[in-house]
Amino acid sequence: MVLPVEYPRARIRKVLVNGLLLSVRRWYMLVLSLAVLAGYSWGLMRSPILVALLATGLIWYMAWAAVRWQVEPFVRQMARESGDPGVQATYGLPDDGAKGSSFTALQDYRQ
């Protein structure tokens, strides 16, 4: 959901692989998001109009924020590997940030 927005030219296979890797690395947030979506679905069955009007925006914001938090290590590594000071400043990286990471974001993106 977030990866195609951040990197629109990325290949679908790479987006799916990196999305799966990120969801497994932070599985607890995935479980929490699924629980929230299950609660939302239950609420839609119990009181569809009330829940659809009052909770839809909040639920989708929570889902987006959770996914954005999950993808943060990948995005930061992409910014670090780009070497572009403007991109690094966008993602709040220090000038001489730590280089160690298990991601090879830019290499995966370019393949």
C-alpha atoms as a PDB file:
ATOM      1  CA  MET A   1       0.000   0.000   0.000  1.00  0.00           C
ATOM      2  CA  VAL A   2       2.805   2.433   0.825  1.00  0.00           C
ATOM      3  CA  LEU A   3       5.603   1.047  -1.354  1.00  0.00           C
ATOM      4  CA  PRO A   4       3.939   1.810  -4.722  1.00  0.00           C
ATOM      5  CA  VAL A   5       3.238   5.361  -3.527  1.00  0.00           C
ATOM      6  CA  GLU A   6       6.833   5.945  -2.415  1.00  0.00           C
ATOM      7  CA  TYR A   7       8.368   4.232  -5.454  1.00  0.00           C
ATOM      8  CA  PRO A   8       5.905   4.236  -8.383  1.00  0.00           C
ATOM      9  CA  ARG A   9       8.407   2.750 -10.864  1.00  0.00           C
ATOM     10  CA  ALA A  10       9.124  -0.301  -8.701  1.00  0.00           C
ATOM     11  CA  ARG A  11       8.286  -3.682 -10.132  1.00  0.00           C
ATOM     12  CA  ILE A  12       5.268  -5.448  -8.684  1.00  0.00           C
ATOM     13  CA  ARG A  13       7.263  -8.552  -7.744  1.00  0.00           C
ATOM     14  CA  LYS A  14       9.800  -6.508  -5.774  1.00  0.00           C
ATOM     15  CA  VAL A  15       7.026  -4.567  -4.046  1.00  0.00           C
ATOM     16  CA  LEU A  16       5.340  -7.819  -3.006  1.00  0.00           C
ATOM     17  CA  VAL A  17       8.587  -9.411  -1.798  1.00  0.00           C
ATOM     18  CA  ASN A  18       9.613  -6.347   0.215  1.00  0.00           C
ATOM     19  CA  GLY A  19       6.072  -5.962   1.591  1.00  0.00           C
ATOM     20  CA  LEU A  20       6.084  -9.576   2.765  1.00  0.00           C
ATOM     21  CA  LEU A  21       9.525  -9.176   4.324  1.00  0.00           C
ATOM     22  CA  LEU A  22       8.463  -6.032   6.158  1.00  0.00           C
ATOM     23  CA  SER A  23       5.220  -7.578   7.428  1.00  0.00           C
ATOM     24  CA  VAL A  24       7.125 -10.581   8.794  1.00  0.00           C
ATOM     25  CA  ARG A  25       9.763  -8.406  10.471  1.00  0.00           C
ATOM     26  CA  ARG A  26       7.145  -6.427  12.384  1.00  0.00           C
ATOM     27  CA  TRP A  27       4.485  -9.109  12.717  1.00  0.00           C
ATOM     28  CA  TYR A  28       2.967  -7.660  15.889  1.00  0.00           C
ATOM     29  CA  MET A  29       1.806  -4.563  14.006  1.00  0.00           C
ATOM     30  CA  LEU A  30       0.319  -6.779  11.305  1.00  0.00           C
ATOM     31  CA  VAL A  31      -1.636  -8.711  13.959  1.00  0.00           C
ATOM     32  CA  LEU A  32      -2.848  -5.461  15.527  1.00  0.00           C
ATOM     33  CA  SER A  33      -3.947  -4.097  12.150  1.00  0.00           C
ATOM     34  CA  LEU A  34      -5.832  -7.294  11.349  1.00  0.00           C
ATOM     35  CA  ALA A  35      -7.543  -7.168  14.751  1.00  0.00           C
ATOM     36  CA  VAL A  36      -8.619  -3.562  14.163  1.00  0.00           C
ATOM     37  CA  LEU A  37      -9.949  -4.419  10.698  1.00  0.00           C
ATOM     38  CA  ALA A  38     -11.788  -7.434  12.127  1.00  0.00           C
ATOM     39  CA  GLY A  39     -13.370  -5.174  14.762  1.00  0.00           C
ATOM     40  CA  TYR A  40     -14.369  -2.729  12.053  1.00  0.00           C
ATOM     41  CA  SER A  41     -15.954  -5.529  10.020  1.00  0.00           C
ATOM     42  CA  TRP A  42     -17.837  -6.732  13.083  1.00  0.00           C
ATOM     43  CA  GLY A  43     -19.044  -3.178  13.720  1.00  0.00           C
ATOM     44  CA  LEU A  44     -20.237  -2.885  10.126  1.00  0.00           C
ATOM     45  CA  MET A  45     -22.318  -6.015  10.608  1.00  0.00           C
ATOM     46  CA  ARG A  46     -23.833  -4.771  13.886  1.00  0.00           C
ATOM     47  CA  SER A  47     -24.525  -1.134  12.983  1.00  0.00           C
ATOM     48  CA  PRO A  48     -23.506  -0.442   9.387  1.00  0.00           C
ATOM     49  CA  ILE A  49     -24.582   3.176   9.025  1.00  0.00           C
ATOM     50  CA  LEU A  50     -23.165   4.386  12.333  1.00  0.00           C
ATOM     51  CA  VAL A  51     -19.833   2.615  11.893  1.00  0.00           C
ATOM     52  CA  ALA A  52     -19.526   3.548   8.215  1.00  0.00           C
ATOM     53  CA  LEU A  53     -20.109   7.219   8.998  1.00  0.00           C
ATOM     54  CA  LEU A  54     -18.055   7.560  12.170  1.00  0.00           C
ATOM     55  CA  ALA A  55     -15.276   5.001  12.032  1.00  0.00           C
ATOM     56  CA  THR A  56     -14.241   4.570   8.402  1.00  0.00           C
ATOM     57  CA  GLY A  57     -11.794   7.466   8.269  1.00  0.00           C
ATOM     58  CA  LEU A  58     -10.258   6.595  11.619  1.00  0.00           C
ATOM     59  CA  ILE A  59      -9.802   2.932  10.725  1.00  0.00           C
ATOM     60  CA  TRP A  60      -8.196   3.647   7.373  1.00  0.00           C
ATOM     61  CA  TYR A  61      -5.907   6.244   8.955  1.00  0.00           C
ATOM     62  CA  MET A  62      -4.832   3.682  11.564  1.00  0.00           C
ATOM     63  CA  ALA A  63      -4.184   1.099   8.837  1.00  0.00           C
ATOM     64  CA  TRP A  64      -2.158   3.600   6.775  1.00  0.00           C
ATOM     65  CA  ALA A  65      -0.130   4.692   9.806  1.00  0.00           C
ATOM     66  CA  ALA A  66       0.635   1.087  10.758  1.00  0.00           C
ATOM     67  CA  VAL A  67       1.774   0.220   7.249  1.00  0.00           C
ATOM     68  CA  ARG A  68       3.810   3.417   7.018  1.00  0.00           C
ATOM     69  CA  TRP A  69       5.534   2.523  10.300  1.00  0.00           C
ATOM     70  CA  GLN A  70       6.264  -0.982   9.008  1.00  0.00           C
ATOM     71  CA  VAL A  71       7.847   0.299   5.802  1.00  0.00           C
ATOM     72  CA  GLU A  72       9.970   2.965   7.521  1.00  0.00           C
ATOM     73  CA  PRO A  73      13.226   0.902   7.661  1.00  0.00           C
ATOM     74  CA  PHE A  74      13.007   0.176   3.933  1.00  0.00           C
ATOM     75  CA  VAL A  75      12.308   3.805   3.020  1.00  0.00           C
ATOM     76  CA  ARG A  76      15.109   5.097   5.223  1.00  0.00           C
ATOM     77  CA  GLN A  77      17.552   2.615   3.692  1.00  0.00           C
ATOM     78  CA  MET A  78      16.488   3.663   0.181  1.00  0.00           C
ATOM     79  CA  ALA A  79      17.099   7.302   1.112  1.00  0.00           C
ATOM     80  CA  ARG A  80      20.465   6.431   2.649  1.00  0.00           C
ATOM     81  CA  GLU A  81      21.588   4.479  -0.426  1.00  0.00           C
ATOM     82  CA  SER A  82      20.431   7.181  -2.834  1.00  0.00           C
ATOM     83  CA  GLY A  83      23.107   9.578  -1.602  1.00  0.00           C
ATOM     84  CA  ASP A  84      20.850  12.533  -2.407  1.00  0.00           C
ATOM     85  CA  PRO A  85      20.916  15.073   0.462  1.00  0.00           C
ATOM     86  CA  GLY A  86      17.406  16.289  -0.407  1.00  0.00           C
ATOM     87  CA  VAL A  87      15.906  12.798  -0.154  1.00  0.00           C
ATOM     88  CA  GLN A  88      17.827  12.107   3.038  1.00  0.00           C
ATOM     89  CA  ALA A  89      16.549  15.339   4.571  1.00  0.00           C
ATOM     90  CA  THR A  90      12.979  14.384   3.578  1.00  0.00           C
ATOM     91  CA  TYR A  91      13.190  11.203   5.632  1.00  0.00           C
ATOM     92  CA  GLY A  92      15.061  12.831   8.527  1.00  0.00           C
ATOM     93  CA  LEU A  93      18.355  11.017   8.139  1.00  0.00           C
ATOM     94  CA  PRO A  94      21.461  12.434   9.777  1.00  0.00           C
ATOM     95  CA  ASP A  95      24.306  13.380   7.468  1.00  0.00           C
ATOM     96  CA  ASP A  96      26.554  10.518   8.625  1.00  0.00           C
ATOM     97  CA  GLY A  97      23.879   8.011   9.670  1.00  0.00           C
ATOM     98  CA  ALA A  98      24.543   4.405  10.564  1.00  0.00           C
ATOM     99  CA  LYS A  99      25.182   2.267   7.508  1.00  0.00           C
ATOM    100  CA  GLY A 100      24.330  -1.202   8.829  1.00  0.00           C
ATOM    101  CA  SER A 101      21.064  -2.731   7.685  1.00  0.00           C
ATOM    102  CA  SER A 102      19.788  -6.036   6.380  1.00  0.00           C
ATOM    103  CA  PHE A 103      18.008  -4.282   3.506  1.00  0.00           C
ATOM    104  CA  THR A 104      19.531  -3.724   0.105  1.00  0.00           C
ATOM    105  CA  ALA A 105      16.762  -1.417  -0.931  1.00  0.00           C
ATOM    106  CA  LEU A 106      18.224   0.351  -3.922  1.00  0.00           C
ATOM    107  CA  GLN A 107      19.690  -2.835  -5.382  1.00  0.00           C
ATOM    108  CA  ASP A 108      16.300  -4.583  -5.078  1.00  0.00           C
ATOM    109  CA  TYR A 109      14.558  -1.575  -6.596  1.00  0.00           C
ATOM    110  CA  ARG A 110      16.879  -1.446  -9.629  1.00  0.00           C
ATOM    111  CA  GLN A 111      16.634  -5.157 -10.483  1.00  0.00           C
END
